[in-house]
Protein backbone atom coordinates (compact mmCIF):
# COMPACT_ATOMS: atom_id res chain seq x y z
CA UNK A 1 17.37 205.44 117.89
CA UNK A 2 16.11 202.24 116.53
CA UNK A 3 12.61 201.30 117.08
CA UNK A 4 11.36 197.68 117.99
CA UNK A 5 10.20 197.18 114.45
CA UNK A 6 13.79 198.05 113.10
CA UNK A 7 15.24 195.59 115.60
CA UNK A 8 12.61 192.82 114.71
CA UNK A 9 13.36 189.94 112.47
CA UNK A 10 11.80 190.97 109.11
CA UNK A 11 10.18 188.24 107.09
CA UNK A 12 11.41 190.09 103.96
CA UNK A 13 15.04 189.94 105.41
CA UNK A 14 14.61 186.27 106.04
CA UNK A 15 13.67 185.44 102.39
CA UNK A 16 17.22 184.47 101.64
CA UNK A 17 17.72 182.38 104.68
CA UNK A 18 14.59 180.29 103.94
CA UNK A 19 16.51 179.04 100.94
CA UNK A 20 19.39 178.18 103.01
CA UNK A 21 17.51 176.01 105.46
CA UNK A 22 19.01 172.87 103.78
CA UNK A 23 22.36 173.91 105.08
CA UNK A 24 21.15 173.77 108.73
CA UNK A 25 21.93 170.49 110.51
CA UNK A 26 18.49 168.89 111.09
CA UNK A 27 17.71 167.01 114.36
CA UNK A 28 15.93 163.76 113.82
CA UNK A 29 13.52 164.42 116.73
CA UNK A 30 13.08 168.14 115.76
CA UNK A 31 9.34 167.79 115.05
CA UNK A 32 9.22 167.12 118.97
CA UNK A 33 11.60 169.83 120.05
CA UNK A 34 9.94 172.68 122.04
CA UNK A 35 11.32 176.22 121.91
CA UNK A 36 10.31 179.07 124.17
CA UNK A 37 10.54 182.67 122.92
CA UNK A 38 10.45 185.45 125.55
CA UNK A 39 10.50 189.10 124.26
CA UNK A 40 8.41 192.15 124.85
CA UNK A 41 8.63 193.02 121.27
CA UNK A 42 5.64 191.59 119.25
CA UNK A 43 7.32 191.81 115.87
CA UNK A 44 10.49 189.78 117.19
CA UNK A 45 8.27 187.07 118.80
CA UNK A 46 5.96 186.49 115.80
CA UNK A 47 8.85 186.54 113.25
CA UNK A 48 11.18 184.25 115.34
CA UNK A 49 8.12 181.90 115.99
CA UNK A 50 7.29 181.71 112.33
CA UNK A 51 10.81 180.97 111.22
CA UNK A 52 11.21 178.16 113.94
CA UNK A 53 7.87 176.73 113.03
CA UNK A 54 8.76 176.56 109.39
CA UNK A 55 11.88 174.63 110.47
CA UNK A 56 9.83 172.15 112.28
CA UNK A 57 10.05 173.21 115.93
CA UNK A 58 7.19 173.44 118.30
CA UNK A 59 7.11 177.10 119.80
CA UNK A 60 5.80 179.08 122.64
CA UNK A 61 5.95 182.74 123.23
CA UNK A 62 5.75 185.06 126.08
CA UNK A 63 5.82 188.96 126.21
CA UNK A 64 7.63 189.22 129.61
CA UNK A 65 9.75 187.24 132.07
CA UNK A 66 6.90 186.21 134.44
CA UNK A 67 4.85 184.85 131.70
CA UNK A 68 7.85 183.12 130.26
CA UNK A 69 8.65 181.31 133.62
CA UNK A 70 5.00 180.16 133.83
CA UNK A 71 5.28 178.61 130.42
CA UNK A 72 8.59 177.16 131.18
CA UNK A 73 7.15 175.39 134.10
CA UNK A 74 4.09 174.09 132.23
CA UNK A 75 5.81 172.99 129.07
CA UNK A 76 9.40 172.30 129.94
CA UNK A 77 10.84 173.54 126.72
CA UNK A 78 14.12 172.03 125.18
CA UNK A 79 15.52 175.56 124.57
CA UNK A 80 14.71 179.09 125.63
CA UNK A 81 15.36 182.30 123.65
CA UNK A 82 15.04 185.34 125.96
CA UNK A 83 15.41 189.10 125.61
CA UNK A 84 17.14 191.01 128.33
CA UNK A 85 15.38 194.39 128.75
CA UNK A 86 11.61 193.37 129.53
CA UNK A 87 8.80 194.74 131.62
CA UNK A 88 7.82 192.79 135.01
CA UNK A 89 10.93 190.62 135.09
CA UNK A 90 13.89 190.96 132.80
CA UNK A 91 15.99 188.39 131.15
CA UNK A 92 18.71 188.08 133.96
CA UNK A 93 15.75 187.49 136.40
CA UNK A 94 14.47 184.64 134.29
CA UNK A 95 17.84 182.88 134.09
CA UNK A 96 18.17 183.16 137.97
CA UNK A 97 14.56 181.86 138.52
CA UNK A 98 15.18 178.75 136.22
CA UNK A 99 17.88 177.63 138.49
CA UNK A 100 15.24 176.80 141.03
CA UNK A 101 13.30 174.61 138.58
CA UNK A 102 14.81 171.15 138.45
CA UNK A 103 13.11 170.33 135.36
CA UNK A 104 15.00 173.07 133.42
CA UNK A 105 18.53 172.10 134.55
CA UNK A 106 20.76 171.86 131.53
CA UNK A 107 18.25 173.47 129.18
CA UNK A 108 20.00 175.75 126.58
CA UNK A 109 19.47 179.39 127.32
CA UNK A 110 20.08 182.09 124.62
CA UNK A 111 19.98 185.74 125.37
CA UNK A 112 18.80 188.18 122.69
CA UNK A 113 19.25 191.97 123.01
CA UNK A 114 20.00 195.21 121.33
CA UNK A 115 22.67 195.87 123.74
CA UNK A 116 25.98 194.92 122.44
CA UNK A 117 28.30 196.27 125.03
CA UNK A 118 30.91 193.56 126.12
CA UNK A 119 29.87 193.99 129.79
CA UNK A 120 26.29 192.62 128.88
CA UNK A 121 27.71 189.63 127.07
CA UNK A 122 29.85 188.90 130.14
CA UNK A 123 27.21 189.25 132.64
CA UNK A 124 24.87 186.95 130.75
CA UNK A 125 27.45 184.21 130.42
CA UNK A 126 28.55 184.66 134.11
CA UNK A 127 24.77 183.82 135.08
CA UNK A 128 24.88 180.79 133.01
CA UNK A 129 23.60 181.61 129.56
CA UNK A 130 24.79 179.37 126.70
CA UNK A 131 24.81 181.85 123.93
CA UNK A 132 24.03 185.43 122.94
CA UNK A 133 22.31 186.97 119.88
CA UNK A 134 22.41 190.88 119.15
CA UNK A 135 19.56 192.50 117.47
CA UNK A 136 19.04 192.97 114.60
CA UNK A 137 19.94 189.38 113.63
CA UNK A 138 18.91 187.39 110.53
CA UNK A 139 17.35 183.99 110.06
CA UNK A 140 20.59 182.17 109.41
CA UNK A 141 21.96 183.48 112.72
CA UNK A 142 18.83 182.38 114.73
CA UNK A 143 18.61 178.84 113.04
CA UNK A 144 22.30 178.05 113.34
CA UNK A 145 22.58 179.10 116.98
CA UNK A 146 19.47 176.97 117.87
CA UNK A 147 20.59 173.94 115.96
CA UNK A 148 24.04 174.12 117.42
CA UNK A 149 22.90 174.51 121.10
CA UNK A 150 20.32 171.64 120.77
CA UNK A 151 23.01 169.36 119.39
CA UNK A 152 25.46 170.11 122.06
CA UNK A 153 22.77 169.67 124.67
CA UNK A 154 21.90 166.36 123.17
CA UNK A 155 25.41 165.30 122.99
CA UNK A 156 26.14 166.29 126.53
CA UNK A 157 23.11 164.23 127.86
CA UNK A 158 24.47 161.18 126.08
CA UNK A 159 27.89 161.67 127.58
CA UNK A 160 26.47 161.78 131.08
CA UNK A 161 24.36 158.78 130.60
CA UNK A 162 27.17 156.83 129.19
CA UNK A 163 29.61 157.65 132.04
CA UNK A 164 27.23 156.60 134.82
CA UNK A 165 29.64 153.86 135.81
CA UNK A 166 32.73 155.54 134.84
CA UNK A 167 35.20 156.27 137.78
CA UNK A 168 35.69 159.94 136.57
CA UNK A 169 33.51 162.28 138.58
CA UNK A 170 30.57 163.59 136.60
CA UNK A 171 31.73 167.28 137.11
CA UNK A 172 35.01 166.21 135.29
CA UNK A 173 33.06 164.89 132.38
CA UNK A 174 31.34 168.18 132.21
CA UNK A 175 34.58 170.03 132.11
CA UNK A 176 35.88 167.80 129.50
CA UNK A 177 32.82 168.02 127.19
CA UNK A 178 32.88 171.87 127.69
CA UNK A 179 36.53 172.02 126.52
CA UNK A 180 35.80 169.84 123.41
CA UNK A 181 32.79 171.90 122.61
CA UNK A 182 35.04 174.93 122.53
CA UNK A 183 37.60 173.18 120.69
CA UNK A 184 35.05 172.32 117.96
CA UNK A 185 33.27 175.71 117.73
CA UNK A 186 33.71 178.20 114.92
CA UNK A 187 35.75 175.97 112.69
CA UNK A 188 36.01 175.50 108.95
CA UNK A 189 33.32 173.16 107.99
CA UNK A 190 33.96 170.61 105.13
CA UNK A 191 30.88 169.24 103.38
CA UNK A 192 31.13 165.78 102.00
CA UNK A 193 28.93 163.92 99.70
CA UNK A 194 28.35 160.23 99.81
CA UNK A 195 31.72 158.48 98.96
CA UNK A 196 33.83 161.76 99.18
CA UNK A 197 37.14 161.11 100.87
CA UNK A 198 38.20 163.07 103.89
CA UNK A 199 41.72 161.69 103.93
CA UNK A 200 43.69 158.86 102.46
CA UNK A 201 45.86 156.22 104.09
CA UNK A 202 49.37 157.53 103.97
CA UNK A 203 48.25 161.36 104.24
CA UNK A 204 50.20 163.65 106.75
CA UNK A 205 47.90 164.63 109.59
CA UNK A 206 47.10 168.40 109.82
CA UNK A 207 43.74 168.41 111.53
CA UNK A 208 41.59 166.71 114.16
CA UNK A 209 38.23 166.26 112.70
CA UNK A 210 34.84 166.35 114.42
CA UNK A 211 31.67 165.02 112.73
CA UNK A 212 28.88 167.56 112.94
CA UNK A 213 26.46 165.49 111.06
CA UNK A 214 26.53 162.31 108.79
CA UNK A 215 28.62 159.17 108.92
CA UNK A 216 31.87 158.27 107.69
CA UNK A 217 33.77 154.78 107.49
CA UNK A 218 37.48 154.25 108.24
CA UNK A 219 38.92 151.54 106.08
CA UNK A 220 42.08 149.95 104.69
CA UNK A 221 42.55 148.53 101.25
CA UNK A 222 44.90 145.77 99.94
CA UNK A 223 46.80 145.86 96.72
CA UNK A 224 43.78 144.45 94.75
CA UNK A 225 41.70 147.28 96.03
CA UNK A 226 39.60 145.15 98.37
CA UNK A 227 38.33 147.02 101.38
CA UNK A 228 38.19 146.15 105.03
CA UNK A 229 36.15 148.60 107.17
CA UNK A 230 37.78 149.28 110.49
CA UNK A 231 35.15 151.50 112.03
CA UNK A 232 32.01 153.63 111.25
CA UNK A 233 31.84 157.03 112.97
CA UNK A 234 28.77 159.23 113.41
CA UNK A 235 27.66 162.66 114.62
CA UNK A 236 29.59 163.94 117.77
CA UNK A 237 32.63 161.79 117.35
CA UNK A 238 36.23 162.70 116.54
CA UNK A 239 38.72 161.17 114.11
CA UNK A 240 42.19 161.60 112.94
CA UNK A 241 43.74 161.93 116.48
CA UNK A 242 45.75 158.77 116.30
CA UNK A 243 48.01 160.07 113.55
CA UNK A 244 48.26 163.45 115.35
CA UNK A 245 49.15 161.73 118.73
CA UNK A 246 51.53 159.12 117.07
CA UNK A 247 53.08 161.74 114.81
CA UNK A 248 52.55 159.39 111.89
CA UNK A 249 50.79 159.13 108.52
CA UNK A 250 47.16 158.26 108.57
CA UNK A 251 47.03 154.46 108.72
CA UNK A 252 43.42 154.23 107.22
CA UNK A 253 41.19 156.08 104.78
CA UNK A 254 38.24 158.12 105.89
CA UNK A 255 35.13 158.31 103.43
CA UNK A 256 31.77 159.61 103.79
CA UNK A 257 28.98 156.93 103.57
CA UNK A 258 26.18 159.63 103.52
CA UNK A 259 26.27 163.44 103.08
CA UNK A 260 28.22 164.84 106.12
CA UNK A 261 29.60 167.93 107.62
CA UNK A 262 33.00 167.68 109.50
CA UNK A 263 34.71 170.48 111.39
CA UNK A 264 38.34 170.94 110.80
CA UNK A 265 40.37 171.51 113.97
CA UNK A 266 44.02 172.46 113.43
CA UNK A 267 46.52 170.19 115.06
CA UNK A 268 48.13 172.85 117.04
CA UNK A 269 44.84 173.91 118.72
CA UNK A 270 44.23 170.25 119.68
CA UNK A 271 47.69 169.79 121.23
CA UNK A 272 47.30 173.12 123.12
CA UNK A 273 44.24 171.78 124.80
CA UNK A 274 45.96 168.63 125.52
CA UNK A 275 48.86 170.46 127.34
CA UNK A 276 46.42 172.39 129.46
CA UNK A 277 43.95 169.61 130.29
CA UNK A 278 45.09 166.17 131.70
CA UNK A 279 41.54 164.89 131.69
CA UNK A 280 41.13 165.42 127.89
CA UNK A 281 44.47 163.61 127.42
CA UNK A 282 42.99 160.69 129.43
CA UNK A 283 39.82 160.78 127.29
CA UNK A 284 41.80 160.33 124.08
CA UNK A 285 44.03 157.82 125.60
CA UNK A 286 40.79 155.87 126.34
CA UNK A 287 39.52 156.20 122.86
CA UNK A 288 42.70 154.97 121.39
CA UNK A 289 42.75 151.88 123.66
CA UNK A 290 39.06 151.13 122.96
CA UNK A 291 40.05 151.23 119.11
CA UNK A 292 42.78 148.69 119.60
CA UNK A 293 40.55 146.50 121.69
CA UNK A 294 37.84 146.54 118.88
CA UNK A 295 40.59 145.93 116.28
CA UNK A 296 41.79 142.73 118.29
CA UNK A 297 38.07 141.49 118.55
CA UNK A 298 37.66 141.82 114.82
CA UNK A 299 40.84 139.97 114.01
CA UNK A 300 39.67 137.06 116.36
CA UNK A 301 36.27 137.09 114.65
CA UNK A 302 37.71 137.00 111.15
CA UNK A 303 39.86 134.03 112.17
CA UNK A 304 37.26 131.89 113.94
CA UNK A 305 33.72 132.95 113.26
CA UNK A 306 31.40 131.51 110.52
CA UNK A 307 30.26 133.82 107.74
CA UNK A 308 26.71 133.75 109.18
CA UNK A 309 27.96 134.97 112.65
CA UNK A 310 30.19 137.71 111.18
CA UNK A 311 27.47 139.13 108.98
CA UNK A 312 25.24 139.31 112.11
CA UNK A 313 27.92 140.91 113.86
CA UNK A 314 28.36 143.53 111.04
CA UNK A 315 24.55 144.16 110.94
CA UNK A 316 24.44 144.78 114.80
CA UNK A 317 27.48 147.00 114.68
CA UNK A 318 25.94 149.19 111.96
CA UNK A 319 22.62 149.18 113.66
CA UNK A 320 24.14 150.61 116.92
CA UNK A 321 25.40 153.49 114.76
CA UNK A 322 21.86 154.15 113.42
CA UNK A 323 19.85 153.48 116.48
CA UNK A 324 17.62 156.45 117.60
CA UNK A 325 16.72 156.71 121.31
CA UNK A 326 13.07 155.65 121.91
CA UNK A 327 12.58 153.84 118.56
CA UNK A 328 11.56 150.27 118.61
CA UNK A 329 13.04 149.60 115.15
CA UNK A 330 16.39 150.16 113.44
CA UNK A 331 16.64 151.18 109.71
CA UNK A 332 19.62 152.14 107.63
CA UNK A 333 21.02 152.24 104.07
CA UNK A 334 24.15 150.31 103.58
CA UNK A 335 25.45 148.77 100.37
CA UNK A 336 26.36 144.95 100.38
CA UNK A 337 29.87 145.99 99.52
CA UNK A 338 30.22 147.78 102.89
CA UNK A 339 28.66 144.94 104.81
CA UNK A 340 31.25 142.66 103.00
CA UNK A 341 34.06 145.09 104.02
CA UNK A 342 32.93 145.07 107.49
CA UNK A 343 32.52 141.23 107.88
CA UNK A 344 35.53 140.07 105.73
CA UNK A 345 32.96 138.08 103.60
CA UNK A 346 32.57 138.12 99.74
CA UNK A 347 29.67 140.34 98.50
CA UNK A 348 28.10 137.10 97.23
CA UNK A 349 28.14 135.45 100.59
CA UNK A 350 26.63 138.65 102.08
CA UNK A 351 23.66 138.43 99.65
CA UNK A 352 23.17 134.80 100.40
CA UNK A 353 23.13 135.40 104.18
CA UNK A 354 20.93 138.38 104.02
CA UNK A 355 18.38 136.46 101.94
CA UNK A 356 18.52 133.55 104.82
CA UNK A 357 18.05 136.27 107.48
CA UNK A 358 15.12 137.73 105.61
CA UNK A 359 13.45 134.40 105.29
CA UNK A 360 13.81 133.97 108.98
CA UNK A 361 12.19 137.13 109.72
CA UNK A 362 15.29 138.66 111.11
CA UNK A 363 15.47 141.61 108.61
CA UNK A 364 13.77 143.41 105.87
CA UNK A 365 15.82 144.47 102.69
CA UNK A 366 14.79 146.79 99.85
CA UNK A 367 17.07 148.52 97.30
CA UNK A 368 20.07 148.79 99.74
CA UNK A 369 17.81 149.60 102.81
CA UNK A 370 17.89 147.23 105.75
CA UNK A 371 15.51 147.03 108.65
CA UNK A 372 16.32 144.92 111.89
CA UNK A 373 13.05 143.10 112.71
CA UNK A 374 14.36 140.69 115.37
CA UNK A 375 17.37 142.27 117.38
CA UNK A 376 17.40 139.42 119.92
CA UNK A 377 17.75 136.62 117.53
CA UNK A 378 20.73 138.57 115.75
CA UNK A 379 22.32 138.95 118.96
CA UNK A 380 21.94 135.13 119.56
CA UNK A 381 23.55 134.37 116.38
CA UNK A 382 26.43 136.85 117.16
CA UNK A 383 26.94 135.20 120.43
């Protein structure tokens, strides 16, 4: 029989995972993310705590379920990792008790246990657990599951906030998000460096793509190689669905504008979900409709707006993609050629207008980095 020490996360075993921390998707707010670890094994608690602290998380530990619930009420963690078999109050009891704490609604809950029978997995999921780790597990397993669950929790919160005025019932949005989460889980992940192509205009579609981290631009090029950026997509967004749904070639190119990771979802899996879920069909129909509306607005702006106004619009568009909730300033790195491709203005005109904006105290620029100083004035120029 394995001892608790055998089941514990050994720091020696985690030496290799330490070197792979760069492969874990980092949360910009990670330094403020609180994780509660509940386990009656001292070794598991201490080793998991050390690894999570090294990764930048704030951690709390409890040796049984009762103590864990008290810490959950006091500190309201962003994620809970909990053993099943514990004295005083087991993991199932902790999960049931959390249902009566309003502040803990929606907080990701991960079970850990040496019990690997299918019935234990099923019982945990039926009670509302988000995921499951079986002892012994290594550092990569722990960090990956924590990162994934925090990211999905954050995306779900944004989804609910953005649909407050949407006629679809919130419960339907939850079902849609859950279906899309399942669709994007456990897929081949393509890692892209800055300026790597995901697909070219004219390529035949084979996948639906889901951005796990980073940002990509969608653009078209004319015969002279001049680009026009159609859109910039960021973490949590899908791309490639228009060509799949239209059964046509890709009409734009997709390129990473920073180091990115993209999940590849086979087209047949995407269609299988569409056939079984009409709400998901509606979601993608709305996305396509919104894309066409944005394209129409861009054409009107290109035809009638001044260079100054178009560059202000381009800066505000990019700033929205880089905006961090709760931050008073917006900074991003974007080459002037990309601003030129967004606004339809020559790079020389972009540089001239950026210098004017800088002189007016609207932006700061340094080696390709742009910081928005006065969002309201840029909005006034855009309008």
